[in-house]
Structures are given as structure tokens and as C-alpha cells.
Amino acid sequence: MSDTQMVELESKVAFQEYQIEKLSSQIAQQQKQILELEALCRSIVNRLKSGTTTSEGASVEVDECPPHY
């Protein structure tokens, strides 16, 4: 194998390693986001099951009809 072929192969391997690292980092970031979203969904479901409250802390009935003006 010639030197130019060897350099070309090494360059390709280095590029692939770089791309694998980038993808791995993105996967780790997405997994963190998934875990956060799952926790948020569980929180929302628990609030809905327990008779929700607003962000200000006021109690809200789930089946409450809106006031008519």
C-alpha cells in the first residue's frame, strides 16, 4: 500500500471517528431531553388526575364550565 493510500485511509478513519463523536453527543443530548419530557408528562398526568391547579396555585375543576357573560 502506498503512502498516499495510507494517508487517505487515515483521513477517512479520522473523519468517521469525528462524526461518530458528534452523533454520540447528539444522542446523549436527545436522551436527556427525552427524560425531561417524560418527567414533565408524568407531572402533567398526575396534576390532571389529582384535580389540577394553575401555575398561580388556584384550584381549577377539570369539568368546570366557563363563566357566561
C-alpha atoms as a PDB file:
ATOM      1  CA  MET A   1       0.000   0.000   0.000  1.00  0.00           C
ATOM      2  CA  SER A   2       1.392   3.374  -0.981  1.00  0.00           C
ATOM      3  CA  ASP A   3       1.832   6.330   1.340  1.00  0.00           C
ATOM      4  CA  THR A   4      -0.935   8.308  -0.359  1.00  0.00           C
ATOM      5  CA  GLN A   5      -3.382   5.435   0.072  1.00  0.00           C
ATOM      6  CA  MET A   6      -2.403   5.111   3.715  1.00  0.00           C
ATOM      7  CA  VAL A   7      -2.864   8.852   4.319  1.00  0.00           C
ATOM      8  CA  GLU A   8      -6.242   8.739   2.567  1.00  0.00           C
ATOM      9  CA  LEU A   9      -7.397   5.822   4.735  1.00  0.00           C
ATOM     10  CA  GLU A  10      -6.187   7.537   7.905  1.00  0.00           C
ATOM     11  CA  SER A  11      -8.034  10.680   6.875  1.00  0.00           C
ATOM     12  CA  LYS A  12     -11.250   8.728   6.306  1.00  0.00           C
ATOM     13  CA  VAL A  13     -10.927   6.978   9.651  1.00  0.00           C
ATOM     14  CA  ALA A  14     -10.326  10.298  11.433  1.00  0.00           C
ATOM     15  CA  PHE A  15     -13.389  11.805   9.754  1.00  0.00           C
ATOM     16  CA  GLN A  16     -15.528   8.810  10.726  1.00  0.00           C
ATOM     17  CA  GLU A  17     -14.335   8.976  14.330  1.00  0.00           C
ATOM     18  CA  TYR A  18     -15.197  12.691  14.424  1.00  0.00           C
ATOM     19  CA  GLN A  19     -18.670  12.040  13.019  1.00  0.00           C
ATOM     20  CA  ILE A  20     -19.270   9.206  15.488  1.00  0.00           C
ATOM     21  CA  GLU A  21     -18.349  11.515  18.380  1.00  0.00           C
ATOM     22  CA  LYS A  22     -20.739  14.201  17.101  1.00  0.00           C
ATOM     23  CA  LEU A  23     -23.559  11.681  16.739  1.00  0.00           C
ATOM     24  CA  SER A  24     -22.871  10.228  20.161  1.00  0.00           C
ATOM     25  CA  SER A  25     -23.039  13.690  21.688  1.00  0.00           C
ATOM     26  CA  GLN A  26     -26.332  14.418  19.923  1.00  0.00           C
ATOM     27  CA  ILE A  27     -27.788  11.109  21.092  1.00  0.00           C
ATOM     28  CA  ALA A  28     -26.804  11.861  24.677  1.00  0.00           C
ATOM     29  CA  GLN A  29     -28.401  15.315  24.436  1.00  0.00           C
ATOM     30  CA  GLN A  30     -31.596  13.866  22.934  1.00  0.00           C
ATOM     31  CA  GLN A  31     -31.764  11.201  25.638  1.00  0.00           C
ATOM     32  CA  LYS A  32     -31.547  13.919  28.285  1.00  0.00           C
ATOM     33  CA  GLN A  33     -34.373  15.807  26.560  1.00  0.00           C
ATOM     34  CA  ILE A  34     -36.483  12.640  26.380  1.00  0.00           C
ATOM     35  CA  LEU A  35     -36.054  12.024  30.093  1.00  0.00           C
ATOM     36  CA  GLU A  36     -37.024  15.620  30.888  1.00  0.00           C
ATOM     37  CA  LEU A  37     -40.101  15.416  28.655  1.00  0.00           C
ATOM     38  CA  GLU A  38     -41.147  12.102  30.200  1.00  0.00           C
ATOM     39  CA  ALA A  39     -40.907  13.644  33.666  1.00  0.00           C
ATOM     40  CA  LEU A  40     -42.943  16.633  32.507  1.00  0.00           C
ATOM     41  CA  CYS A  41     -45.617  14.350  31.023  1.00  0.00           C
ATOM     42  CA  ARG A  42     -45.821  12.358  34.259  1.00  0.00           C
ATOM     43  CA  SER A  43     -46.184  15.600  36.189  1.00  0.00           C
ATOM     44  CA  ILE A  44     -48.977  16.807  33.923  1.00  0.00           C
ATOM     45  CA  VAL A  45     -50.801  13.481  34.128  1.00  0.00           C
ATOM     46  CA  ASN A  46     -50.516  13.471  37.923  1.00  0.00           C
ATOM     47  CA  ARG A  47     -51.870  17.028  38.112  1.00  0.00           C
ATOM     48  CA  LEU A  48     -54.788  16.144  35.868  1.00  0.00           C
ATOM     49  CA  LYS A  49     -55.587  13.036  37.908  1.00  0.00           C
ATOM     50  CA  SER A  50     -55.471  14.913  41.206  1.00  0.00           C
ATOM     51  CA  GLY A  51     -57.703  17.878  40.266  1.00  0.00           C
ATOM     52  CA  THR A  52     -55.313  20.282  38.634  1.00  0.00           C
ATOM     53  CA  THR A  53     -54.066  23.637  39.825  1.00  0.00           C
ATOM     54  CA  THR A  54     -52.927  26.585  37.766  1.00  0.00           C
ATOM     55  CA  SER A  55     -49.395  27.940  37.853  1.00  0.00           C
ATOM     56  CA  GLU A  56     -50.620  30.598  40.334  1.00  0.00           C
ATOM     57  CA  GLY A  57     -51.817  27.844  42.672  1.00  0.00           C
ATOM     58  CA  ALA A  58     -55.551  28.443  42.189  1.00  0.00           C
ATOM     59  CA  SER A  59     -57.625  25.309  42.079  1.00  0.00           C
ATOM     60  CA  VAL A  60     -59.316  24.509  38.770  1.00  0.00           C
ATOM     61  CA  GLU A  61     -62.066  21.979  38.228  1.00  0.00           C
ATOM     62  CA  VAL A  62     -61.390  19.790  35.207  1.00  0.00           C
ATOM     63  CA  ASP A  63     -65.056  19.624  34.125  1.00  0.00           C
ATOM     64  CA  GLU A  64     -65.920  23.170  35.143  1.00  0.00           C
ATOM     65  CA  CYS A  65     -67.903  25.131  32.551  1.00  0.00           C
ATOM     66  CA  PRO A  66     -66.544  28.564  31.639  1.00  0.00           C
ATOM     67  CA  PRO A  67     -68.447  31.546  33.031  1.00  0.00           C
ATOM     68  CA  HIS A  68     -71.034  33.114  30.734  1.00  0.00           C
ATOM     69  CA  TYR A  69     -71.016  36.849  30.351  1.00  0.00           C
END
